[in-house]
């Protein structure tokens, strides 16, 4: 059961991290395009 919970918790954290990174990278890319 702990393995299943781990499997759910890890991707959830990864999704949050990926979302943050993508947002920052996209914002930086957008700033470069404007500049």
PDB file of N, CA and C in Angstrom:
ATOM      1  N   UNK A   1       0.832  -1.195   0.000  1.00  0.00           N
ATOM      2  CA  UNK A   1       0.000   0.000   0.000  1.00  0.00           C
ATOM      3  C   UNK A   1       0.876   1.259   0.000  1.00  0.00           C
ATOM      4  N   UNK A   2       1.962   1.213   0.764  1.00  0.00           N
ATOM      5  CA  UNK A   2       2.857   2.375   0.815  1.00  0.00           C
ATOM      6  C   UNK A   2       3.490   2.627  -0.552  1.00  0.00           C
ATOM      7  N   UNK A   3       3.681   1.536  -1.314  1.00  0.00           N
ATOM      8  CA  UNK A   3       4.271   1.676  -2.655  1.00  0.00           C
ATOM      9  C   UNK A   3       3.299   2.447  -3.556  1.00  0.00           C
ATOM     10  N   UNK A   4       2.011   2.111  -3.444  1.00  0.00           N
ATOM     11  CA  UNK A   4       1.000   2.787  -4.252  1.00  0.00           C
ATOM     12  C   UNK A   4       0.936   4.266  -3.872  1.00  0.00           C
ATOM     13  N   UNK A   5       0.947   4.528  -2.553  1.00  0.00           N
ATOM     14  CA  UNK A   5       0.894   5.920  -2.095  1.00  0.00           C
ATOM     15  C   UNK A   5       2.120   6.680  -2.584  1.00  0.00           C
ATOM     16  N   UNK A   6       3.276   6.006  -2.534  1.00  0.00           N
ATOM     17  CA  UNK A   6       4.513   6.629  -3.023  1.00  0.00           C
ATOM     18  C   UNK A   6       4.382   6.935  -4.511  1.00  0.00           C
ATOM     19  N   UNK A   7       3.823   5.986  -5.257  1.00  0.00           N
ATOM     20  CA  UNK A   7       3.659   6.159  -6.700  1.00  0.00           C
ATOM     21  C   UNK A   7       2.759   7.343  -7.016  1.00  0.00           C
ATOM     22  N   UNK A   8       1.793   7.604  -6.133  1.00  0.00           N
ATOM     23  CA  UNK A   8       0.876   8.720  -6.360  1.00  0.00           C
ATOM     24  C   UNK A   8       1.515  10.038  -5.919  1.00  0.00           C
ATOM     25  N   UNK A   9       2.225   9.982  -4.791  1.00  0.00           N
ATOM     26  CA  UNK A   9       2.803  11.205  -4.225  1.00  0.00           C
ATOM     27  C   UNK A   9       3.948  11.740  -5.083  1.00  0.00           C
ATOM     28  N   UNK A  10       4.802  10.850  -5.572  1.00  0.00           N
ATOM     29  CA  UNK A  10       5.971  11.287  -6.351  1.00  0.00           C
ATOM     30  C   UNK A  10       5.555  11.980  -7.661  1.00  0.00           C
ATOM     31  N   UNK A  11       4.707  11.355  -8.487  1.00  0.00           N
ATOM     32  CA  UNK A  11       4.292  12.024  -9.719  1.00  0.00           C
ATOM     33  C   UNK A  11       3.593  13.357  -9.428  1.00  0.00           C
ATOM     34  N   UNK A  12       2.858  13.425  -8.328  1.00  0.00           N
ATOM     35  CA  UNK A  12       2.160  14.656  -7.972  1.00  0.00           C
ATOM     36  C   UNK A  12       3.172  15.770  -7.717  1.00  0.00           C
ATOM     37  N   UNK A  13       4.233  15.442  -6.987  1.00  0.00           N
ATOM     38  CA  UNK A  13       5.273  16.431  -6.708  1.00  0.00           C
ATOM     39  C   UNK A  13       6.003  16.792  -7.998  1.00  0.00           C
ATOM     40  N   UNK A  14       6.252  15.780  -8.831  1.00  0.00           N
ATOM     41  CA  UNK A  14       6.942  16.026 -10.100  1.00  0.00           C
ATOM     42  C   UNK A  14       6.100  16.933 -10.984  1.00  0.00           C
ATOM     43  N   UNK A  15       4.800  16.671 -11.028  1.00  0.00           N
ATOM     44  CA  UNK A  15       3.911  17.492 -11.858  1.00  0.00           C
ATOM     45  C   UNK A  15       3.974  18.945 -11.405  1.00  0.00           C
ATOM     46  N   UNK A  16       3.989  19.145 -10.082  1.00  0.00           N
ATOM     47  CA  UNK A  16       4.048  20.505  -9.539  1.00  0.00           C
ATOM     48  C   UNK A  16       5.369  21.171  -9.911  1.00  0.00           C
ATOM     49  N   UNK A  17       6.463  20.411  -9.787  1.00  0.00           N
ATOM     50  CA  UNK A  17       7.787  20.961 -10.112  1.00  0.00           C
ATOM     51  C   UNK A  17       7.880  21.270 -11.602  1.00  0.00           C
ATOM     52  N   UNK A  18       7.414  20.337 -12.432  1.00  0.00           N
ATOM     53  CA  UNK A  18       7.470  20.531 -13.885  1.00  0.00           C
ATOM     54  C   UNK A  18       6.645  21.751 -14.280  1.00  0.00           C
ATOM     55  N   UNK A  19       5.476  21.890 -13.677  1.00  0.00           N
ATOM     56  CA  UNK A  19       4.618  23.040 -13.983  1.00  0.00           C
ATOM     57  C   UNK A  19       5.335  24.341 -13.649  1.00  0.00           C
ATOM     58  N   UNK A  20       5.992  24.370 -12.497  1.00  0.00           N
ATOM     59  CA  UNK A  20       6.716  25.581 -12.085  1.00  0.00           C
ATOM     60  C   UNK A  20       7.854  25.881 -13.049  1.00  0.00           C
ATOM     61  N   UNK A  21       8.633  24.852 -13.394  1.00  0.00           N
ATOM     62  CA  UNK A  21       9.773  25.037 -14.304  1.00  0.00           C
ATOM     63  C   UNK A  21       9.287  25.503 -15.670  1.00  0.00           C
ATOM     64  N   UNK A  22       8.251  24.856 -16.182  1.00  0.00           N
ATOM     65  CA  UNK A  22       7.722  25.224 -17.503  1.00  0.00           C
ATOM     66  C   UNK A  22       7.244  26.676 -17.489  1.00  0.00           C
ATOM     67  N   UNK A  23       6.574  27.070 -16.414  1.00  0.00           N
ATOM     68  CA  UNK A  23       6.072  28.449 -16.318  1.00  0.00           C
ATOM     69  C   UNK A  23       7.221  29.447 -16.325  1.00  0.00           C
ATOM     70  N   UNK A  24       8.266  29.153 -15.545  1.00  0.00           N
ATOM     71  CA  UNK A  24       9.423  30.055 -15.471  1.00  0.00           C
ATOM     72  C   UNK A  24      10.137  30.117 -16.820  1.00  0.00           C
ATOM     73  N   UNK A  25      10.362  28.954 -17.431  1.00  0.00           N
ATOM     74  CA  UNK A  25      11.058  28.906 -18.724  1.00  0.00           C
ATOM     75  C   UNK A  25      10.238  29.631 -19.786  1.00  0.00           C
ATOM     76  N   UNK A  26       8.918  29.391 -19.793  1.00  0.00           N
ATOM     77  CA  UNK A  26       8.056  30.043 -20.777  1.00  0.00           C
ATOM     78  C   UNK A  26       8.070  31.559 -20.587  1.00  0.00           C
ATOM     79  N   UNK A  27       8.060  32.001 -19.320  1.00  0.00           N
ATOM     80  CA  UNK A  27       8.086  33.438 -19.026  1.00  0.00           C
ATOM     81  C   UNK A  27       9.405  34.034 -19.507  1.00  0.00           C
ATOM     82  N   UNK A  28      10.515  33.328 -19.265  1.00  0.00           N
ATOM     83  CA  UNK A  28      11.824  33.805 -19.702  1.00  0.00           C
ATOM     84  C   UNK A  28      11.904  33.849 -21.220  1.00  0.00           C
ATOM     85  N   UNK A  29      11.364  32.826 -21.884  1.00  0.00           N
ATOM     86  CA  UNK A  29      11.374  32.785 -23.345  1.00  0.00           C
ATOM     87  C   UNK A  29      10.530  33.923 -23.903  1.00  0.00           C
ATOM     88  N   UNK A  30       9.387  34.179 -23.262  1.00  0.00           N
ATOM     89  CA  UNK A  30       8.503  35.259 -23.685  1.00  0.00           C
ATOM     90  C   UNK A  30       9.222  36.603 -23.542  1.00  0.00           C
ATOM     91  N   UNK A  31       9.965  36.766 -22.462  1.00  0.00           N
ATOM     92  CA  UNK A  31      10.704  38.013 -22.231  1.00  0.00           C
ATOM     93  C   UNK A  31      11.783  38.188 -23.303  1.00  0.00           C
ATOM     94  N   UNK A  32      12.439  37.087 -23.673  1.00  0.00           N
ATOM     95  CA  UNK A  32      13.481  37.159 -24.705  1.00  0.00           C
ATOM     96  C   UNK A  32      12.866  37.539 -26.049  1.00  0.00           C
ATOM     97  N   UNK A  33      11.712  36.979 -26.359  1.00  0.00           N
ATOM     98  CA  UNK A  33      11.061  37.272 -27.633  1.00  0.00           C
ATOM     99  C   UNK A  33      10.661  38.746 -27.702  1.00  0.00           C
ATOM    100  N   UNK A  34      10.168  39.288 -26.586  1.00  0.00           N
ATOM    101  CA  UNK A  34       9.761  40.693 -26.549  1.00  0.00           C
ATOM    102  C   UNK A  34      10.985  41.589 -26.682  1.00  0.00           C
ATOM    103  N   UNK A  35      12.058  41.206 -26.011  1.00  0.00           N
ATOM    104  CA  UNK A  35      13.293  41.979 -26.048  1.00  0.00           C
ATOM    105  C   UNK A  35      13.895  41.839 -27.445  1.00  0.00           C
TER     106      UNK A  35
END
